[in-house]
């Protein structure tokens, strides 16, 4: 996910995307524990996407 895509999303879309990424991260963690992960690079991509979304969401919400 690119930062331009994240910035164009509304806060509600960001929250939905964050929730789905956290679920995927949870599932990948279980697959890693049982040795069933096929795409090991996906774990790092998801972690970075979550950080991007949290950063933009924090910037968009009023203080």
N, C-alpha and C. Protein backbone atom coordinates (compact mmCIF):
# COMPACT_ATOMS: atom_id res chain seq x y z
N UNK A 1 0.85 -1.17 0.00
CA UNK A 1 0.00 0.00 0.00
C UNK A 1 0.90 1.24 0.00
N UNK A 2 0.60 2.15 -0.88
CA UNK A 2 1.42 3.35 -0.99
C UNK A 2 0.84 4.45 -0.11
N UNK A 3 1.71 5.38 0.30
CA UNK A 3 1.30 6.44 1.20
C UNK A 3 0.26 7.35 0.54
N UNK A 4 0.35 7.55 -0.77
CA UNK A 4 -0.63 8.38 -1.48
C UNK A 4 -2.03 7.76 -1.39
N UNK A 5 -2.09 6.44 -1.47
CA UNK A 5 -3.38 5.74 -1.34
C UNK A 5 -3.94 5.92 0.06
N UNK A 6 -3.08 5.84 1.04
CA UNK A 6 -3.52 5.96 2.44
C UNK A 6 -4.01 7.38 2.72
N UNK A 7 -3.30 8.37 2.21
CA UNK A 7 -3.69 9.75 2.45
C UNK A 7 -5.01 10.12 1.79
N UNK A 8 -5.36 9.44 0.71
CA UNK A 8 -6.61 9.75 0.01
C UNK A 8 -7.84 9.13 0.68
N UNK A 9 -7.62 8.24 1.64
CA UNK A 9 -8.73 7.58 2.33
C UNK A 9 -9.34 8.47 3.41
N UNK A 10 -10.62 8.22 3.70
CA UNK A 10 -11.28 8.93 4.79
C UNK A 10 -10.91 8.23 6.10
N UNK A 11 -11.12 8.90 7.24
CA UNK A 11 -10.81 8.24 8.52
C UNK A 11 -11.57 6.93 8.73
N UNK A 12 -12.81 6.85 8.25
CA UNK A 12 -13.57 5.60 8.39
C UNK A 12 -12.96 4.48 7.55
N UNK A 13 -12.53 4.82 6.34
CA UNK A 13 -11.89 3.82 5.49
C UNK A 13 -10.56 3.38 6.10
N UNK A 14 -9.84 4.32 6.68
CA UNK A 14 -8.57 3.98 7.33
C UNK A 14 -8.80 3.03 8.50
N UNK A 15 -9.84 3.28 9.28
CA UNK A 15 -10.12 2.42 10.42
C UNK A 15 -10.49 1.01 9.95
N UNK A 16 -11.28 0.91 8.88
CA UNK A 16 -11.65 -0.40 8.35
C UNK A 16 -10.43 -1.14 7.81
N UNK A 17 -9.58 -0.41 7.11
CA UNK A 17 -8.38 -1.01 6.56
C UNK A 17 -7.44 -1.47 7.67
N UNK A 18 -7.34 -0.67 8.72
CA UNK A 18 -6.50 -1.02 9.86
C UNK A 18 -7.00 -2.30 10.52
N UNK A 19 -8.30 -2.41 10.67
CA UNK A 19 -8.88 -3.60 11.28
C UNK A 19 -8.59 -4.85 10.45
N UNK A 20 -8.74 -4.76 9.14
CA UNK A 20 -8.50 -5.93 8.29
C UNK A 20 -7.02 -6.31 8.28
N UNK A 21 -6.13 -5.31 8.32
CA UNK A 21 -4.70 -5.62 8.36
C UNK A 21 -4.32 -6.26 9.69
N UNK A 22 -4.91 -5.81 10.78
CA UNK A 22 -4.62 -6.43 12.08
C UNK A 22 -5.09 -7.88 12.12
N UNK A 23 -6.24 -8.16 11.49
CA UNK A 23 -6.72 -9.54 11.43
C UNK A 23 -5.78 -10.40 10.60
N UNK A 24 -5.31 -9.85 9.48
CA UNK A 24 -4.38 -10.60 8.64
C UNK A 24 -3.06 -10.83 9.37
N UNK A 25 -2.61 -9.83 10.11
CA UNK A 25 -1.38 -9.97 10.89
C UNK A 25 -1.54 -11.06 11.95
N UNK A 26 -2.68 -11.11 12.59
CA UNK A 26 -2.97 -12.13 13.60
C UNK A 26 -2.91 -13.53 12.97
N UNK A 27 -3.54 -13.68 11.82
CA UNK A 27 -3.54 -14.97 11.13
C UNK A 27 -2.14 -15.38 10.70
N UNK A 28 -1.36 -14.43 10.21
CA UNK A 28 0.00 -14.74 9.81
C UNK A 28 0.87 -15.14 11.00
N UNK A 29 0.60 -14.53 12.15
CA UNK A 29 1.36 -14.88 13.34
C UNK A 29 1.11 -16.34 13.72
N UNK A 30 -0.15 -16.78 13.62
CA UNK A 30 -0.46 -18.18 13.91
C UNK A 30 0.17 -19.10 12.89
N UNK A 31 0.15 -18.71 11.60
CA UNK A 31 0.77 -19.53 10.58
C UNK A 31 2.28 -19.64 10.81
N UNK A 32 2.89 -18.55 11.25
CA UNK A 32 4.33 -18.58 11.51
C UNK A 32 4.64 -19.51 12.68
N UNK A 33 3.77 -19.52 13.67
CA UNK A 33 4.00 -20.36 14.84
C UNK A 33 3.91 -21.84 14.49
N UNK A 34 3.06 -22.17 13.52
CA UNK A 34 2.90 -23.57 13.13
C UNK A 34 3.76 -23.93 11.92
N UNK A 35 4.51 -22.96 11.40
CA UNK A 35 5.39 -23.23 10.28
C UNK A 35 4.70 -23.33 8.94
N UNK A 36 3.56 -22.67 8.77
CA UNK A 36 2.79 -22.77 7.54
C UNK A 36 2.83 -21.51 6.68
N UNK A 37 3.67 -20.55 6.99
CA UNK A 37 3.71 -19.30 6.24
C UNK A 37 4.38 -19.53 4.89
N UNK A 38 3.67 -19.15 3.82
CA UNK A 38 4.23 -19.26 2.48
C UNK A 38 4.96 -17.98 2.09
N UNK A 39 4.35 -16.85 2.40
CA UNK A 39 4.91 -15.55 2.01
C UNK A 39 5.43 -14.84 3.27
N UNK A 40 6.65 -15.11 3.62
CA UNK A 40 7.20 -14.54 4.84
C UNK A 40 7.38 -13.03 4.75
N UNK A 41 7.55 -12.50 3.55
CA UNK A 41 7.72 -11.06 3.38
C UNK A 41 6.44 -10.30 3.68
N UNK A 42 5.32 -10.98 3.61
CA UNK A 42 4.02 -10.33 3.84
C UNK A 42 3.90 -9.83 5.29
N UNK A 43 4.54 -10.49 6.23
CA UNK A 43 4.49 -10.09 7.64
C UNK A 43 5.06 -8.68 7.79
N UNK A 44 6.19 -8.43 7.17
CA UNK A 44 6.82 -7.11 7.25
C UNK A 44 6.00 -6.05 6.51
N UNK A 45 5.43 -6.42 5.35
CA UNK A 45 4.60 -5.47 4.60
C UNK A 45 3.39 -5.04 5.42
N UNK A 46 2.76 -5.98 6.07
CA UNK A 46 1.57 -5.66 6.87
C UNK A 46 1.95 -4.76 8.03
N UNK A 47 3.06 -5.06 8.68
CA UNK A 47 3.49 -4.24 9.81
C UNK A 47 3.72 -2.79 9.37
N UNK A 48 4.33 -2.60 8.23
CA UNK A 48 4.59 -1.26 7.73
C UNK A 48 3.31 -0.56 7.27
N UNK A 49 2.39 -1.31 6.66
CA UNK A 49 1.11 -0.72 6.26
C UNK A 49 0.32 -0.25 7.48
N UNK A 50 0.35 -1.03 8.55
CA UNK A 50 -0.33 -0.64 9.78
C UNK A 50 0.27 0.65 10.32
N UNK A 51 1.58 0.76 10.29
CA UNK A 51 2.24 1.98 10.77
C UNK A 51 1.86 3.18 9.91
N UNK A 52 1.81 2.99 8.59
CA UNK A 52 1.41 4.08 7.70
C UNK A 52 0.01 4.56 8.01
N UNK A 53 -0.90 3.61 8.16
CA UNK A 53 -2.30 3.96 8.41
C UNK A 53 -2.44 4.67 9.75
N UNK A 54 -1.76 4.17 10.78
CA UNK A 54 -1.84 4.81 12.09
C UNK A 54 -1.30 6.23 12.05
N UNK A 55 -0.22 6.45 11.30
CA UNK A 55 0.38 7.78 11.20
C UNK A 55 -0.58 8.75 10.52
N UNK A 56 -1.17 8.35 9.41
CA UNK A 56 -2.09 9.23 8.68
C UNK A 56 -3.37 9.43 9.48
N UNK A 57 -3.85 8.41 10.13
CA UNK A 57 -5.06 8.52 10.94
C UNK A 57 -4.84 9.49 12.09
N UNK A 58 -3.69 9.43 12.71
CA UNK A 58 -3.37 10.34 13.80
C UNK A 58 -3.31 11.79 13.30
N UNK A 59 -2.78 11.98 12.09
CA UNK A 59 -2.67 13.32 11.54
C UNK A 59 -4.03 13.87 11.12
N UNK A 60 -4.95 13.01 10.74
CA UNK A 60 -6.27 13.46 10.28
C UNK A 60 -7.25 13.73 11.41
N UNK A 61 -7.05 13.10 12.54
CA UNK A 61 -7.99 13.30 13.65
C UNK A 61 -7.66 14.58 14.38
N UNK A 62 -8.69 15.34 14.75
CA UNK A 62 -8.44 16.59 15.47
C UNK A 62 -7.91 16.33 16.89
N UNK A 63 -7.14 17.25 17.37
CA UNK A 63 -6.51 17.10 18.68
C UNK A 63 -7.42 17.29 19.82
